[in-house]
Amino acid sequence: MPKKTELTAVQAKVLDYVKTFQAKRGFPPTRVEISTYFKWKSKNASQEALRAIERKGWIKMWPETPRGISVL
């Protein structure tokens, strides 16, 4: 597992949203739900944010599933 490194402000907000969503619903949000919440026009924006958060060691993504995000 990579060492956790500091997140940008936007990345921290995305991670917080993922944690809160999962705590309330019992499963993580989809990329579309993240993009909708942050009013991003493309789900690509959420995918890029999630990839950066994964590279920094905070989450593990499972690309083969729509809700494939595990908080570490």
C-alpha atoms as a PDB file:
ATOM      1  CA  MET A   1       0.000   0.000   0.000  1.00  0.00           C
ATOM      2  CA  PRO A   2       1.442   3.413  -0.930  1.00  0.00           C
ATOM      3  CA  LYS A   3       2.200   5.889   1.810  1.00  0.00           C
ATOM      4  CA  LYS A   4      -0.619   8.404   2.207  1.00  0.00           C
ATOM      5  CA  THR A   5       0.267  11.836   0.922  1.00  0.00           C
ATOM      6  CA  GLU A   6      -1.561  15.123   1.365  1.00  0.00           C
ATOM      7  CA  LEU A   7      -4.699  15.751  -0.654  1.00  0.00           C
ATOM      8  CA  THR A   8      -5.659  18.983  -2.388  1.00  0.00           C
ATOM      9  CA  ALA A   9      -8.729  20.791  -1.054  1.00  0.00           C
ATOM     10  CA  VAL A  10     -10.926  19.376  -3.834  1.00  0.00           C
ATOM     11  CA  GLN A  11      -9.578  15.855  -3.349  1.00  0.00           C
ATOM     12  CA  ALA A  12     -10.240  16.095   0.404  1.00  0.00           C
ATOM     13  CA  LYS A  13     -13.841  17.157  -0.306  1.00  0.00           C
ATOM     14  CA  VAL A  14     -14.323  14.232  -2.690  1.00  0.00           C
ATOM     15  CA  LEU A  15     -12.914  11.791  -0.129  1.00  0.00           C
ATOM     16  CA  ASP A  16     -15.159  13.252   2.570  1.00  0.00           C
ATOM     17  CA  TYR A  17     -18.173  12.899   0.270  1.00  0.00           C
ATOM     18  CA  VAL A  18     -17.298   9.259  -0.466  1.00  0.00           C
ATOM     19  CA  LYS A  19     -16.933   8.510   3.265  1.00  0.00           C
ATOM     20  CA  THR A  20     -20.190  10.284   4.184  1.00  0.00           C
ATOM     21  CA  PHE A  21     -22.138   8.684   1.329  1.00  0.00           C
ATOM     22  CA  GLN A  22     -20.874   5.234   2.297  1.00  0.00           C
ATOM     23  CA  ALA A  23     -21.610   5.750   6.000  1.00  0.00           C
ATOM     24  CA  LYS A  24     -25.196   6.805   5.242  1.00  0.00           C
ATOM     25  CA  ARG A  25     -26.032   4.273   2.524  1.00  0.00           C
ATOM     26  CA  GLY A  26     -23.734   1.330   3.176  1.00  0.00           C
ATOM     27  CA  PHE A  27     -22.060   1.496  -0.246  1.00  0.00           C
ATOM     28  CA  PRO A  28     -19.876   4.026  -2.087  1.00  0.00           C
ATOM     29  CA  PRO A  29     -21.167   6.497  -4.699  1.00  0.00           C
ATOM     30  CA  THR A  30     -20.782   6.019  -8.430  1.00  0.00           C
ATOM     31  CA  ARG A  31     -18.612   8.367 -10.474  1.00  0.00           C
ATOM     32  CA  VAL A  32     -21.804   9.955 -11.862  1.00  0.00           C
ATOM     33  CA  GLU A  33     -23.164  10.572  -8.337  1.00  0.00           C
ATOM     34  CA  ILE A  34     -19.891  12.257  -7.369  1.00  0.00           C
ATOM     35  CA  SER A  35     -19.943  14.444 -10.498  1.00  0.00           C
ATOM     36  CA  THR A  36     -23.581  15.349  -9.880  1.00  0.00           C
ATOM     37  CA  TYR A  37     -22.934  16.250  -6.232  1.00  0.00           C
ATOM     38  CA  PHE A  38     -20.051  18.553  -7.153  1.00  0.00           C
ATOM     39  CA  LYS A  39     -21.930  19.921 -10.212  1.00  0.00           C
ATOM     40  CA  TRP A  40     -19.171  18.774 -12.556  1.00  0.00           C
ATOM     41  CA  LYS A  41     -20.282  18.494 -16.178  1.00  0.00           C
ATOM     42  CA  SER A  42     -18.364  15.281 -16.828  1.00  0.00           C
ATOM     43  CA  LYS A  43     -18.021  12.064 -14.873  1.00  0.00           C
ATOM     44  CA  ASN A  44     -14.409  12.169 -16.073  1.00  0.00           C
ATOM     45  CA  ALA A  45     -13.761  14.891 -13.496  1.00  0.00           C
ATOM     46  CA  SER A  46     -14.753  12.544 -10.682  1.00  0.00           C
ATOM     47  CA  GLN A  47     -12.708   9.721 -12.221  1.00  0.00           C
ATOM     48  CA  GLU A  48      -9.602  11.913 -12.343  1.00  0.00           C
ATOM     49  CA  ALA A  49     -10.111  13.080  -8.751  1.00  0.00           C
ATOM     50  CA  LEU A  50     -10.559   9.479  -7.597  1.00  0.00           C
ATOM     51  CA  ARG A  51      -7.426   8.357  -9.448  1.00  0.00           C
ATOM     52  CA  ALA A  52      -5.395  11.099  -7.781  1.00  0.00           C
ATOM     53  CA  ILE A  53      -6.779  10.146  -4.361  1.00  0.00           C
ATOM     54  CA  GLU A  54      -5.909   6.501  -5.072  1.00  0.00           C
ATOM     55  CA  ARG A  55      -2.351   7.419  -6.137  1.00  0.00           C
ATOM     56  CA  LYS A  56      -1.981   9.277  -2.848  1.00  0.00           C
ATOM     57  CA  GLY A  57      -2.952   6.145  -0.905  1.00  0.00           C
ATOM     58  CA  TRP A  58      -6.367   7.076   0.516  1.00  0.00           C
ATOM     59  CA  ILE A  59      -8.622   4.777  -1.505  1.00  0.00           C
ATOM     60  CA  LYS A  60      -8.500   1.648  -3.651  1.00  0.00           C
ATOM     61  CA  MET A  61     -10.571   1.632  -6.819  1.00  0.00           C
ATOM     62  CA  TRP A  62     -12.053  -1.444  -8.468  1.00  0.00           C
ATOM     63  CA  PRO A  63     -12.678  -0.353 -12.078  1.00  0.00           C
ATOM     64  CA  GLU A  64     -14.767  -3.389 -12.979  1.00  0.00           C
ATOM     65  CA  THR A  65     -17.630  -2.275 -10.686  1.00  0.00           C
ATOM     66  CA  PRO A  66     -19.677   0.966 -10.789  1.00  0.00           C
ATOM     67  CA  ARG A  67     -19.323   1.511  -7.036  1.00  0.00           C
ATOM     68  CA  GLY A  68     -15.799   0.150  -6.820  1.00  0.00           C
ATOM     69  CA  ILE A  69     -14.265   2.485  -4.241  1.00  0.00           C
ATOM     70  CA  SER A  70     -12.770   1.261  -0.956  1.00  0.00           C
ATOM     71  CA  VAL A  71     -11.600   3.792   1.612  1.00  0.00           C
ATOM     72  CA  LEU A  72      -8.308   2.694   3.162  1.00  0.00           C
END
